[in-house]
């Protein structure tokens, strides 16, 4: 066990102030894992989902029109 007692390394990766501890015993380790958990979201009502999908459709139609205009512009410049 004395192979890691040098001042520059430890038994676990990293050379910070807590490098001698395994990751699950380091301060804040639970918070790092908890950051990926999303809180539950209430489902959309039928009207709200319909409004969202209509807005999304109009946005995508505008985006598709812009892409087609750019393609036609590039084809016309040859």
Protein backbone atom coordinates (compact mmCIF):
# COMPACT_ATOMS: atom_id res chain seq x y z
CA UNK A 1 0.00 0.00 0.00
CA UNK A 2 2.92 2.37 0.25
CA UNK A 3 3.31 2.63 -3.51
CA UNK A 4 0.70 5.42 -3.65
CA UNK A 5 1.80 7.43 -0.63
CA UNK A 6 3.95 9.76 -2.71
CA UNK A 7 2.92 13.41 -2.78
CA UNK A 8 2.07 13.37 -6.50
CA UNK A 9 -0.25 10.40 -6.90
CA UNK A 10 -2.90 8.36 -5.14
CA UNK A 11 -4.78 5.09 -5.50
CA UNK A 12 -7.60 6.78 -7.45
CA UNK A 13 -7.45 8.90 -10.61
CA UNK A 14 -7.03 12.65 -10.28
CA UNK A 15 -4.54 14.62 -8.26
CA UNK A 16 -6.89 16.94 -6.38
CA UNK A 17 -7.33 17.30 -2.62
CA UNK A 18 -9.66 14.28 -2.49
CA UNK A 19 -7.67 11.98 -4.78
CA UNK A 20 -6.97 9.54 -1.96
CA UNK A 21 -10.71 8.79 -1.68
CA UNK A 22 -12.67 6.61 -4.09
CA UNK A 23 -15.15 8.65 -6.18
CA UNK A 24 -18.21 7.56 -4.19
CA UNK A 25 -16.69 8.94 -0.97
CA UNK A 26 -15.67 12.33 -2.39
CA UNK A 27 -17.71 15.39 -1.41
CA UNK A 28 -20.42 16.21 -3.92
CA UNK A 29 -20.28 12.88 -5.72
CA UNK A 30 -23.99 12.25 -5.19
CA UNK A 31 -24.83 15.69 -6.56
CA UNK A 32 -22.93 14.97 -9.77
CA UNK A 33 -25.00 11.88 -10.38
CA UNK A 34 -28.20 13.62 -9.37
CA UNK A 35 -27.67 16.36 -11.94
CA UNK A 36 -28.75 14.03 -14.75
CA UNK A 37 -32.15 13.26 -13.25
CA UNK A 38 -34.98 15.25 -14.78
CA UNK A 39 -38.00 16.20 -12.68
CA UNK A 40 -41.30 14.81 -13.94
CA UNK A 41 -43.20 17.03 -16.35
CA UNK A 42 -46.96 17.30 -16.40
CA UNK A 43 -48.46 16.00 -19.66
CA UNK A 44 -49.77 18.54 -22.14
CA UNK A 45 -53.48 19.02 -22.56
CA UNK A 46 -54.96 18.14 -25.92
CA UNK A 47 -55.34 21.82 -26.86
CA UNK A 48 -51.80 22.71 -25.79
CA UNK A 49 -50.33 19.79 -27.73
CA UNK A 50 -52.35 20.74 -30.81
CA UNK A 51 -51.12 24.33 -30.60
CA UNK A 52 -47.52 23.16 -30.16
CA UNK A 53 -47.70 20.83 -33.14
CA UNK A 54 -49.27 23.51 -35.36
CA UNK A 55 -46.53 25.96 -34.42
CA UNK A 56 -43.91 23.31 -35.09
CA UNK A 57 -45.43 22.53 -38.49
CA UNK A 58 -45.43 26.19 -39.54
CA UNK A 59 -41.82 26.59 -38.38
CA UNK A 60 -40.73 23.52 -40.34
CA UNK A 61 -42.60 24.68 -43.45
CA UNK A 62 -40.82 28.04 -43.28
CA UNK A 63 -37.49 26.32 -42.78
CA UNK A 64 -38.11 23.99 -45.72
CA UNK A 65 -39.00 26.96 -47.91
CA UNK A 66 -35.75 28.69 -46.96
CA UNK A 67 -33.75 25.55 -47.77
CA UNK A 68 -35.47 25.14 -51.15
CA UNK A 69 -34.87 28.83 -51.96
CA UNK A 70 -31.18 28.46 -51.12
CA UNK A 71 -30.89 25.30 -53.25
CA UNK A 72 -32.53 27.06 -56.19
CA UNK A 73 -30.24 30.06 -55.68
CA UNK A 74 -27.15 27.85 -55.76
CA UNK A 75 -28.37 25.95 -58.83
CA UNK A 76 -29.08 29.23 -60.63
CA UNK A 77 -25.59 30.64 -59.99
CA UNK A 78 -23.81 27.88 -61.97
